[in-house]
PDB file of all heavy atoms in Angstrom:
ATOM      1  N   ALA A   1      25.554  -0.444   8.900  1.00  0.00           N
ATOM      2  CA  ALA A   1      24.749  -1.570   9.200  1.00  0.00           C
ATOM      3  C   ALA A   1      23.387  -1.137   9.568  1.00  0.00           C
ATOM      4  O   ALA A   1      23.190  -0.060  10.194  1.00  0.00           O
ATOM      5  CB  ALA A   1      25.408  -2.383  10.322  1.00  0.00           C
ATOM      6  N   ASP A   2      22.398  -1.937   9.272  1.00  0.00           N
ATOM      7  CA  ASP A   2      21.011  -1.512   9.565  1.00  0.00           C
ATOM      8  C   ASP A   2      20.823  -1.295  11.034  1.00  0.00           C
ATOM      9  O   ASP A   2      20.029  -0.510  11.507  1.00  0.00           O
ATOM     10  CB  ASP A   2      20.076  -2.652   9.121  1.00  0.00           C
ATOM     11  CG  ASP A   2      19.935  -2.717   7.584  1.00  0.00           C
ATOM     12  OD1 ASP A   2      20.209  -1.733   6.955  1.00  0.00           O
ATOM     13  OD2 ASP A   2      19.474  -3.719   7.098  1.00  0.00           O
ATOM     14  N   SER A   3      21.563  -2.026  11.895  1.00  0.00           N
ATOM     15  CA  SER A   3      21.372  -1.946  13.320  1.00  0.00           C
ATOM     16  C   SER A   3      21.901  -0.587  13.894  1.00  0.00           C
ATOM     17  O   SER A   3      21.465  -0.196  15.001  1.00  0.00           O
ATOM     18  CB  SER A   3      22.177  -3.078  14.024  1.00  0.00           C
ATOM     19  OG  SER A   3      23.496  -2.967  13.713  1.00  0.00           O
ATOM     20  N   VAL A   4      22.640   0.091  13.123  1.00  0.00           N
ATOM     21  CA  VAL A   4      23.112   1.476  13.603  1.00  0.00           C
ATOM     22  C   VAL A   4      22.749   2.629  12.733  1.00  0.00           C
ATOM     23  O   VAL A   4      22.991   3.798  13.126  1.00  0.00           O
ATOM     24  CB  VAL A   4      24.711   1.407  13.719  1.00  0.00           C
ATOM     25  CG1 VAL A   4      25.172   0.259  14.614  1.00  0.00           C
ATOM     26  CG2 VAL A   4      25.359   1.407  12.411  1.00  0.00           C
ATOM     27  N   LYS A   5      22.115   2.333  11.667  1.00  0.00           N
ATOM     28  CA  LYS A   5      21.765   3.426  10.690  1.00  0.00           C
ATOM     29  C   LYS A   5      20.812   4.419  11.426  1.00  0.00           C
ATOM     30  O   LYS A   5      19.850   4.073  12.093  1.00  0.00           O
ATOM     31  CB  LYS A   5      21.052   2.853   9.495  1.00  0.00           C
ATOM     32  CG  LYS A   5      20.776   3.835   8.363  1.00  0.00           C
ATOM     33  CD  LYS A   5      20.248   3.096   7.191  1.00  0.00           C
ATOM     34  CE  LYS A   5      21.285   2.065   6.608  1.00  0.00           C
ATOM     35  NZ  LYS A   5      20.841   1.358   5.375  1.00  0.00           N
ATOM     36  N   GLY A   6      21.115   5.692  11.254  1.00  0.00           N
ATOM     37  CA  GLY A   6      20.413   6.754  11.926  1.00  0.00           C
ATOM     38  C   GLY A   6      20.864   7.143  13.293  1.00  0.00           C
ATOM     39  O   GLY A   6      20.482   8.180  13.853  1.00  0.00           O
ATOM     40  N   ARG A   7      21.708   6.314  13.858  1.00  0.00           N
ATOM     41  CA  ARG A   7      22.330   6.557  15.161  1.00  0.00           C
ATOM     42  C   ARG A   7      23.808   6.811  15.166  1.00  0.00           C
ATOM     43  O   ARG A   7      24.349   7.605  15.973  1.00  0.00           O
ATOM     44  CB  ARG A   7      22.045   5.380  16.092  1.00  0.00           C
ATOM     45  CG  ARG A   7      20.564   5.073  16.375  1.00  0.00           C
ATOM     46  CD  ARG A   7      20.376   4.051  17.447  1.00  0.00           C
ATOM     47  NE  ARG A   7      20.999   2.736  17.070  1.00  0.00           N
ATOM     48  CZ  ARG A   7      21.953   2.250  17.796  1.00  0.00           C
ATOM     49  NH1 ARG A   7      22.419   2.762  18.894  1.00  0.00           N
ATOM     50  NH2 ARG A   7      22.446   1.115  17.374  1.00  0.00           N
ATOM     51  N   PHE A   8      24.469   6.130  14.221  1.00  0.00           N
ATOM     52  CA  PHE A   8      26.022   6.296  14.090  1.00  0.00           C
ATOM     53  C   PHE A   8      26.280   7.096  12.871  1.00  0.00           C
ATOM     54  O   PHE A   8      25.638   6.986  11.848  1.00  0.00           O
ATOM     55  CB  PHE A   8      26.609   4.920  13.938  1.00  0.00           C
ATOM     56  CG  PHE A   8      26.669   4.059  15.252  1.00  0.00           C
ATOM     57  CD1 PHE A   8      25.826   4.372  16.318  1.00  0.00           C
ATOM     58  CD2 PHE A   8      27.427   2.976  15.339  1.00  0.00           C
ATOM     59  CE1 PHE A   8      25.710   3.557  17.443  1.00  0.00           C
ATOM     60  CE2 PHE A   8      27.490   2.206  16.491  1.00  0.00           C
ATOM     61  CZ  PHE A   8      26.576   2.540  17.532  1.00  0.00           C
ATOM     62  N   THR A   9      27.405   7.852  12.908  1.00  0.00           N
ATOM     63  CA  THR A   9      27.923   8.624  11.788  1.00  0.00           C
ATOM     64  C   THR A   9      29.450   8.410  11.696  1.00  0.00           C
ATOM     65  O   THR A   9      30.120   8.694  12.680  1.00  0.00           O
ATOM     66  CB  THR A   9      27.596  10.096  11.870  1.00  0.00           C
ATOM     67  OG1 THR A   9      26.153  10.253  12.111  1.00  0.00           O
ATOM     68  CG2 THR A   9      28.133  10.873  10.714  1.00  0.00           C
ATOM     69  N   ILE A  10      29.827   8.025  10.521  1.00  0.00           N
ATOM     70  CA  ILE A  10      31.258   7.868  10.270  1.00  0.00           C
ATOM     71  C   ILE A  10      31.846   9.022   9.429  1.00  0.00           C
ATOM     72  O   ILE A  10      31.083   9.531   8.533  1.00  0.00           O
ATOM     73  CB  ILE A  10      31.596   6.532   9.520  1.00  0.00           C
ATOM     74  CG1 ILE A  10      33.118   6.280   9.448  1.00  0.00           C
ATOM     75  CG2 ILE A  10      30.970   6.499   8.118  1.00  0.00           C
ATOM     76  CD1 ILE A  10      33.402   4.932   8.934  1.00  0.00           C
ATOM     77  N   SER A  11      32.915   9.602   9.774  1.00  0.00           N
ATOM     78  CA  SER A  11      33.464  10.645   9.057  1.00  0.00           C
ATOM     79  C   SER A  11      35.021  10.614   9.079  1.00  0.00           C
ATOM     80  O   SER A  11      35.589   9.962   9.889  1.00  0.00           O
ATOM     81  CB  SER A  11      33.029  11.992   9.636  1.00  0.00           C
ATOM     82  OG  SER A  11      33.414  12.078  10.967  1.00  0.00           O
ATOM     83  N   GLY A  12      35.698  11.394   8.186  1.00  0.00           N
ATOM     84  CA  GLY A  12      37.103  11.300   8.149  1.00  0.00           C
ATOM     85  C   GLY A  12      37.686  12.736   8.003  1.00  0.00           C
ATOM     86  O   GLY A  12      37.065  13.592   7.429  1.00  0.00           O
ATOM     87  N   ASP A  13      38.855  12.891   8.617  1.00  0.00           N
ATOM     88  CA  ASP A  13      39.558  14.144   8.542  1.00  0.00           C
ATOM     89  C   ASP A  13      40.960  13.821   8.029  1.00  0.00           C
ATOM     90  O   ASP A  13      41.801  13.297   8.691  1.00  0.00           O
ATOM     91  CB  ASP A  13      39.641  14.823   9.894  1.00  0.00           C
ATOM     92  CG  ASP A  13      40.234  16.203   9.847  1.00  0.00           C
ATOM     93  OD1 ASP A  13      41.070  16.474   8.987  1.00  0.00           O
ATOM     94  OD2 ASP A  13      39.783  17.063  10.673  1.00  0.00           O
ATOM     95  N   ALA A  14      41.169  14.035   6.720  1.00  0.00           N
ATOM     96  CA  ALA A  14      42.399  13.695   6.063  1.00  0.00           C
ATOM     97  C   ALA A  14      43.583  14.397   6.687  1.00  0.00           C
ATOM     98  O   ALA A  14      44.679  13.827   6.815  1.00  0.00           O
ATOM     99  CB  ALA A  14      42.335  14.000   4.525  1.00  0.00           C
ATOM    100  N   ALA A  15      43.421  15.685   6.968  1.00  0.00           N
ATOM    101  CA  ALA A  15      44.520  16.469   7.522  1.00  0.00           C
ATOM    102  C   ALA A  15      44.966  15.936   8.854  1.00  0.00           C
ATOM    103  O   ALA A  15      46.143  15.946   9.229  1.00  0.00           O
ATOM    104  CB  ALA A  15      44.141  17.896   7.610  1.00  0.00           C
ATOM    105  N   LYS A  16      44.046  15.518   9.755  1.00  0.00           N
ATOM    106  CA  LYS A  16      44.364  14.958  10.964  1.00  0.00           C
ATOM    107  C   LYS A  16      44.620  13.479  10.948  1.00  0.00           C
ATOM    108  O   LYS A  16      45.015  12.923  11.963  1.00  0.00           O
ATOM    109  CB  LYS A  16      43.206  15.240  11.983  1.00  0.00           C
ATOM    110  CG  LYS A  16      42.975  16.729  12.258  1.00  0.00           C
ATOM    111  CD  LYS A  16      41.892  16.921  13.262  1.00  0.00           C
ATOM    112  CE  LYS A  16      41.709  18.335  13.601  1.00  0.00           C
ATOM    113  NZ  LYS A  16      40.633  18.607  14.616  1.00  0.00           N
ATOM    114  N   ARG A  17      44.477  12.860   9.781  1.00  0.00           N
ATOM    115  CA  ARG A  17      44.686  11.459   9.660  1.00  0.00           C
ATOM    116  C   ARG A  17      43.855  10.642  10.681  1.00  0.00           C
ATOM    117  O   ARG A  17      44.437   9.772  11.377  1.00  0.00           O
ATOM    118  CB  ARG A  17      46.164  11.085   9.686  1.00  0.00           C
ATOM    119  CG  ARG A  17      46.936  11.671   8.541  1.00  0.00           C
ATOM    120  CD  ARG A  17      48.344  11.127   8.521  1.00  0.00           C
ATOM    121  NE  ARG A  17      49.014  11.505   7.266  1.00  0.00           N
ATOM    122  CZ  ARG A  17      50.244  11.084   6.903  1.00  0.00           C
ATOM    123  NH1 ARG A  17      50.890  10.270   7.633  1.00  0.00           N
ATOM    124  NH2 ARG A  17      50.845  11.577   5.807  1.00  0.00           N
ATOM    125  N   THR A  18      42.659  10.981  10.708  1.00  0.00           N
ATOM    126  CA  THR A  18      41.729  10.345  11.716  1.00  0.00           C
ATOM    127  C   THR A  18      40.390  10.082  11.134  1.00  0.00           C
ATOM    128  O   THR A  18      39.811  10.907  10.401  1.00  0.00           O
ATOM    129  CB  THR A  18      41.601  11.256  12.962  1.00  0.00           C
ATOM    130  OG1 THR A  18      42.915  11.466  13.522  1.00  0.00           O
ATOM    131  CG2 THR A  18      40.726  10.538  13.987  1.00  0.00           C
ATOM    132  N   VAL A  19      39.762   8.945  11.425  1.00  0.00           N
ATOM    133  CA  VAL A  19      38.435   8.587  11.089  1.00  0.00           C
ATOM    134  C   VAL A  19      37.627   8.509  12.401  1.00  0.00           C
ATOM    135  O   VAL A  19      38.095   7.949  13.368  1.00  0.00           O
ATOM    136  CB  VAL A  19      38.322   7.284  10.307  1.00  0.00           C
ATOM    137  CG1 VAL A  19      36.854   6.858  10.074  1.00  0.00           C
ATOM    138  CG2 VAL A  19      39.052   7.463   8.957  1.00  0.00           C
ATOM    139  N   TYR A  20      36.464   9.017  12.353  1.00  0.00           N
ATOM    140  CA  TYR A  20      35.645   9.093  13.557  1.00  0.00           C
ATOM    141  C   TYR A  20      34.382   8.219  13.424  1.00  0.00           C
ATOM    142  O   TYR A  20      33.840   8.006  12.335  1.00  0.00           O
ATOM    143  CB  TYR A  20      35.221  10.547  13.897  1.00  0.00           C
ATOM    144  CG  TYR A  20      36.352  11.477  14.050  1.00  0.00           C
ATOM    145  CD1 TYR A  20      36.779  12.310  12.948  1.00  0.00           C
ATOM    146  CD2 TYR A  20      37.024  11.612  15.259  1.00  0.00           C
ATOM    147  CE1 TYR A  20      37.815  13.128  13.080  1.00  0.00           C
ATOM    148  CE2 TYR A  20      38.067  12.546  15.366  1.00  0.00           C
ATOM    149  CZ  TYR A  20      38.512  13.268  14.330  1.00  0.00           C
ATOM    150  OH  TYR A  20      39.503  14.180  14.472  1.00  0.00           O
ATOM    151  N   LEU A  21      33.940   7.754  14.595  1.00  0.00           N
ATOM    152  CA  LEU A  21      32.600   7.108  14.559  1.00  0.00           C
ATOM    153  C   LEU A  21      31.784   7.719  15.744  1.00  0.00           C
ATOM    154  O   LEU A  21      32.076   7.446  16.890  1.00  0.00           O
ATOM    155  CB  LEU A  21      32.772   5.573  14.824  1.00  0.00           C
ATOM    156  CG  LEU A  21      31.446   4.831  14.860  1.00  0.00           C
ATOM    157  CD1 LEU A  21      30.825   4.817  13.435  1.00  0.00           C
ATOM    158  CD2 LEU A  21      31.634   3.349  15.231  1.00  0.00           C
ATOM    159  N   GLN A  22      30.855   8.581  15.356  1.00  0.00           N
ATOM    160  CA  GLN A  22      29.982   9.226  16.350  1.00  0.00           C
ATOM    161  C   GLN A  22      28.762   8.271  16.573  1.00  0.00           C
ATOM    162  O   GLN A  22      28.060   7.889  15.641  1.00  0.00           O
ATOM    163  CB  GLN A  22      29.517  10.537  15.775  1.00  0.00           C
ATOM    164  CG  GLN A  22      28.641  11.290  16.779  1.00  0.00           C
ATOM    165  CD  GLN A  22      28.117  12.690  16.209  1.00  0.00           C
ATOM    166  OE1 GLN A  22      28.504  13.089  15.074  1.00  0.00           O
ATOM    167  NE2 GLN A  22      27.408  13.362  16.967  1.00  0.00           N
ATOM    168  N   MET A  23      28.604   8.015  17.874  1.00  0.00           N
ATOM    169  CA  MET A  23      27.562   7.042  18.241  1.00  0.00           C
ATOM    170  C   MET A  23      26.539   7.750  19.148  1.00  0.00           C
ATOM    171  O   MET A  23      26.962   8.359  20.134  1.00  0.00           O
ATOM    172  CB  MET A  23      28.151   5.780  18.878  1.00  0.00           C
ATOM    173  CG  MET A  23      29.251   5.085  18.090  1.00  0.00           C
ATOM    174  SD  MET A  23      29.858   3.639  18.860  1.00  0.00           S
ATOM    175  CE  MET A  23      30.682   4.372  20.303  1.00  0.00           C
ATOM    176  N   LYS A  24      25.265   7.651  18.846  1.00  0.00           N
ATOM    177  CA  LYS A  24      24.170   8.250  19.637  1.00  0.00           C
ATOM    178  C   LYS A  24      23.189   7.228  20.012  1.00  0.00           C
ATOM    179  O   LYS A  24      23.091   6.147  19.302  1.00  0.00           O
ATOM    180  CB  LYS A  24      23.559   9.414  18.862  1.00  0.00           C
ATOM    181  CG  LYS A  24      24.481  10.556  18.571  1.00  0.00           C
ATOM    182  CD  LYS A  24      23.738  11.651  17.857  1.00  0.00           C
ATOM    183  CE  LYS A  24      24.642  12.819  17.505  1.00  0.00           C
ATOM    184  NZ  LYS A  24      23.917  13.869  16.859  1.00  0.00           N
ATOM    185  N   ASN A  25      22.420   7.525  21.057  1.00  0.00           N
ATOM    186  CA  ASN A  25      21.310   6.604  21.503  1.00  0.00           C
ATOM    187  C   ASN A  25      21.797   5.157  21.692  1.00  0.00           C
ATOM    188  O   ASN A  25      21.231   4.241  21.213  1.00  0.00           O
ATOM    189  CB  ASN A  25      20.157   6.730  20.481  1.00  0.00           C
ATOM    190  CG  ASN A  25      19.587   8.026  20.397  1.00  0.00           C
ATOM    191  OD1 ASN A  25      19.352   8.725  21.357  1.00  0.00           O
ATOM    192  ND2 ASN A  25      19.253   8.504  19.192  1.00  0.00           N
ATOM    193  N   LEU A  26      22.926   5.065  22.397  1.00  0.00           N
ATOM    194  CA  LEU A  26      23.583   3.729  22.619  1.00  0.00           C
ATOM    195  C   LEU A  26      22.692   2.850  23.400  1.00  0.00           C
ATOM    196  O   LEU A  26      21.973   3.191  24.326  1.00  0.00           O
ATOM    197  CB  LEU A  26      24.909   3.909  23.262  1.00  0.00           C
ATOM    198  CG  LEU A  26      25.986   4.474  22.304  1.00  0.00           C
ATOM    199  CD1 LEU A  26      27.123   5.021  23.084  1.00  0.00           C
ATOM    200  CD2 LEU A  26      26.418   3.491  21.324  1.00  0.00           C
ATOM    201  N   THR A  27      22.743   1.531  23.064  1.00  0.00           N
ATOM    202  CA  THR A  27      21.913   0.526  23.799  1.00  0.00           C
ATOM    203  C   THR A  27      23.019  -0.516  24.256  1.00  0.00           C
ATOM    204  O   THR A  27      24.071  -0.593  23.779  1.00  0.00           O
ATOM    205  CB  THR A  27      20.912  -0.160  22.888  1.00  0.00           C
ATOM    206  OG1 THR A  27      21.532  -1.027  21.928  1.00  0.00           O
ATOM    207  CG2 THR A  27      20.117   0.867  22.156  1.00  0.00           C
ATOM    208  N   PRO A  28      22.538  -1.403  25.168  1.00  0.00           N
ATOM    209  CA  PRO A  28      23.448  -2.448  25.672  1.00  0.00           C
ATOM    210  C   PRO A  28      23.941  -3.336  24.476  1.00  0.00           C
ATOM    211  O   PRO A  28      25.069  -3.942  24.539  1.00  0.00           O
ATOM    212  CB  PRO A  28      22.632  -3.252  26.610  1.00  0.00           C
ATOM    213  CG  PRO A  28      21.701  -2.179  27.197  1.00  0.00           C
ATOM    214  CD  PRO A  28      21.334  -1.298  26.056  1.00  0.00           C
ATOM    215  N   GLU A  29      23.168  -3.466  23.436  1.00  0.00           N
ATOM    216  CA  GLU A  29      23.606  -4.267  22.302  1.00  0.00           C
ATOM    217  C   GLU A  29      24.715  -3.679  21.511  1.00  0.00           C
ATOM    218  O   GLU A  29      25.374  -4.344  20.734  1.00  0.00           O
ATOM    219  CB  GLU A  29      22.387  -4.490  21.299  1.00  0.00           C
ATOM    220  CG  GLU A  29      21.265  -5.346  21.915  1.00  0.00           C
ATOM    221  CD  GLU A  29      20.152  -5.680  20.942  1.00  0.00           C
ATOM    222  OE1 GLU A  29      20.183  -5.080  19.840  1.00  0.00           O
ATOM    223  OE2 GLU A  29      19.372  -6.455  21.232  1.00  0.00           O
ATOM    224  N   ASP A  30      25.002  -2.414  21.787  1.00  0.00           N
ATOM    225  CA  ASP A  30      26.079  -1.747  21.127  1.00  0.00           C
ATOM    226  C   ASP A  30      27.468  -1.990  21.828  1.00  0.00           C
ATOM    227  O   ASP A  30      28.512  -1.664  21.340  1.00  0.00           O
ATOM    228  CB  ASP A  30      25.879  -0.207  21.017  1.00  0.00           C
ATOM    229  CG  ASP A  30      24.718   0.126  20.063  1.00  0.00           C
ATOM    230  OD1 ASP A  30      24.610  -0.490  19.040  1.00  0.00           O
ATOM    231  OD2 ASP A  30      23.890   0.979  20.478  1.00  0.00           O
ATOM    232  N   ALA A  31      27.381  -2.495  23.009  1.00  0.00           N
ATOM    233  CA  ALA A  31      28.635  -2.796  23.803  1.00  0.00           C
ATOM    234  C   ALA A  31      29.434  -3.796  23.093  1.00  0.00           C
ATOM    235  O   ALA A  31      29.006  -4.825  22.631  1.00  0.00           O
ATOM    236  CB  ALA A  31      28.248  -3.275  25.178  1.00  0.00           C
ATOM    237  N   ALA A  32      30.718  -3.439  22.906  1.00  0.00           N
ATOM    238  CA  ALA A  32      31.730  -4.286  22.193  1.00  0.00           C
ATOM    239  C   ALA A  32      33.024  -3.666  22.211  1.00  0.00           C
ATOM    240  O   ALA A  32      33.206  -2.504  22.653  1.00  0.00           O
ATOM    241  CB  ALA A  32      31.144  -4.463  20.717  1.00  0.00           C
ATOM    242  N   VAL A  33      33.977  -4.409  21.690  1.00  0.00           N
ATOM    243  CA  VAL A  33      35.278  -3.887  21.377  1.00  0.00           C
ATOM    244  C   VAL A  33      35.217  -3.362  19.864  1.00  0.00           C
ATOM    245  O   VAL A  33      34.861  -4.223  18.979  1.00  0.00           O
ATOM    246  CB  VAL A  33      36.425  -4.868  21.514  1.00  0.00           C
ATOM    247  CG1 VAL A  33      37.751  -4.277  21.051  1.00  0.00           C
ATOM    248  CG2 VAL A  33      36.530  -5.321  22.942  1.00  0.00           C
ATOM    249  N   TYR A  34      35.468  -2.121  19.695  1.00  0.00           N
ATOM    250  CA  TYR A  34      35.391  -1.541  18.293  1.00  0.00           C
ATOM    251  C   TYR A  34      36.735  -1.474  17.709  1.00  0.00           C
ATOM    252  O   TYR A  34      37.659  -0.921  18.256  1.00  0.00           O
ATOM    253  CB  TYR A  34      34.686  -0.161  18.335  1.00  0.00           C
ATOM    254  CG  TYR A  34      33.158  -0.228  18.532  1.00  0.00           C
ATOM    255  CD1 TYR A  34      32.675  -0.567  19.806  1.00  0.00           C
ATOM    256  CD2 TYR A  34      32.350   0.045  17.492  1.00  0.00           C
ATOM    257  CE1 TYR A  34      31.263  -0.698  19.968  1.00  0.00           C
ATOM    258  CE2 TYR A  34      30.957   0.029  17.708  1.00  0.00           C
ATOM    259  CZ  TYR A  34      30.467  -0.243  18.926  1.00  0.00           C
ATOM    260  OH  TYR A  34      29.148  -0.393  19.117  1.00  0.00           O
ATOM    261  N   HIS A  35      36.780  -1.964  16.489  1.00  0.00           N
ATOM    262  CA  HIS A  35      38.114  -1.995  15.696  1.00  0.00           C
ATOM    263  C   HIS A  35      37.859  -1.136  14.431  1.00  0.00           C
ATOM    264  O   HIS A  35      36.844  -1.193  13.820  1.00  0.00           O
ATOM    265  CB  HIS A  35      38.461  -3.350  15.274  1.00  0.00           C
ATOM    266  CG  HIS A  35      38.724  -4.308  16.472  1.00  0.00           C
ATOM    267  ND1 HIS A  35      39.978  -4.510  16.967  1.00  0.00           N
ATOM    268  CD2 HIS A  35      37.909  -5.048  17.173  1.00  0.00           C
ATOM    269  CE1 HIS A  35      39.955  -5.374  17.972  1.00  0.00           C
ATOM    270  NE2 HIS A  35      38.683  -5.803  18.107  1.00  0.00           N
ATOM    271  N   CYS A  36      38.901  -0.450  14.079  1.00  0.00           N
ATOM    272  CA  CYS A  36      38.930   0.122  12.705  1.00  0.00           C
ATOM    273  C   CYS A  36      39.862  -0.626  11.832  1.00  0.00           C
ATOM    274  O   CYS A  36      40.874  -1.261  12.296  1.00  0.00           O
ATOM    275  CB  CYS A  36      39.346   1.639  12.734  1.00  0.00           C
ATOM    276  SG  CYS A  36      40.912   2.016  13.376  1.00  0.00           S
ATOM    277  N   ALA A  37      39.611  -0.708  10.529  1.00  0.00           N
ATOM    278  CA  ALA A  37      40.391  -1.480   9.633  1.00  0.00           C
ATOM    279  C   ALA A  37      40.531  -0.741   8.326  1.00  0.00           C
ATOM    280  O   ALA A  37      39.679   0.121   7.940  1.00  0.00           O
ATOM    281  CB  ALA A  37      39.735  -2.770   9.408  1.00  0.00           C
ATOM    282  N   ALA A  38      41.470  -1.101   7.498  1.00  0.00           N
ATOM    283  CA  ALA A  38      41.807  -0.397   6.290  1.00  0.00           C
ATOM    284  C   ALA A  38      42.219  -1.373   5.186  1.00  0.00           C
ATOM    285  O   ALA A  38      42.808  -2.413   5.387  1.00  0.00           O
ATOM    286  CB  ALA A  38      42.938   0.624   6.500  1.00  0.00           C
TER     287      ALA A  38
END
């Protein structure tokens, strides 16, 4: 999303069966319940 571009990074590790969301320079507008979906 434009609101997180340059600050957030999504990545996946197939062997660990895990997807990550690295978040940097967080602001109060980023506060939320975060869900992953497939």
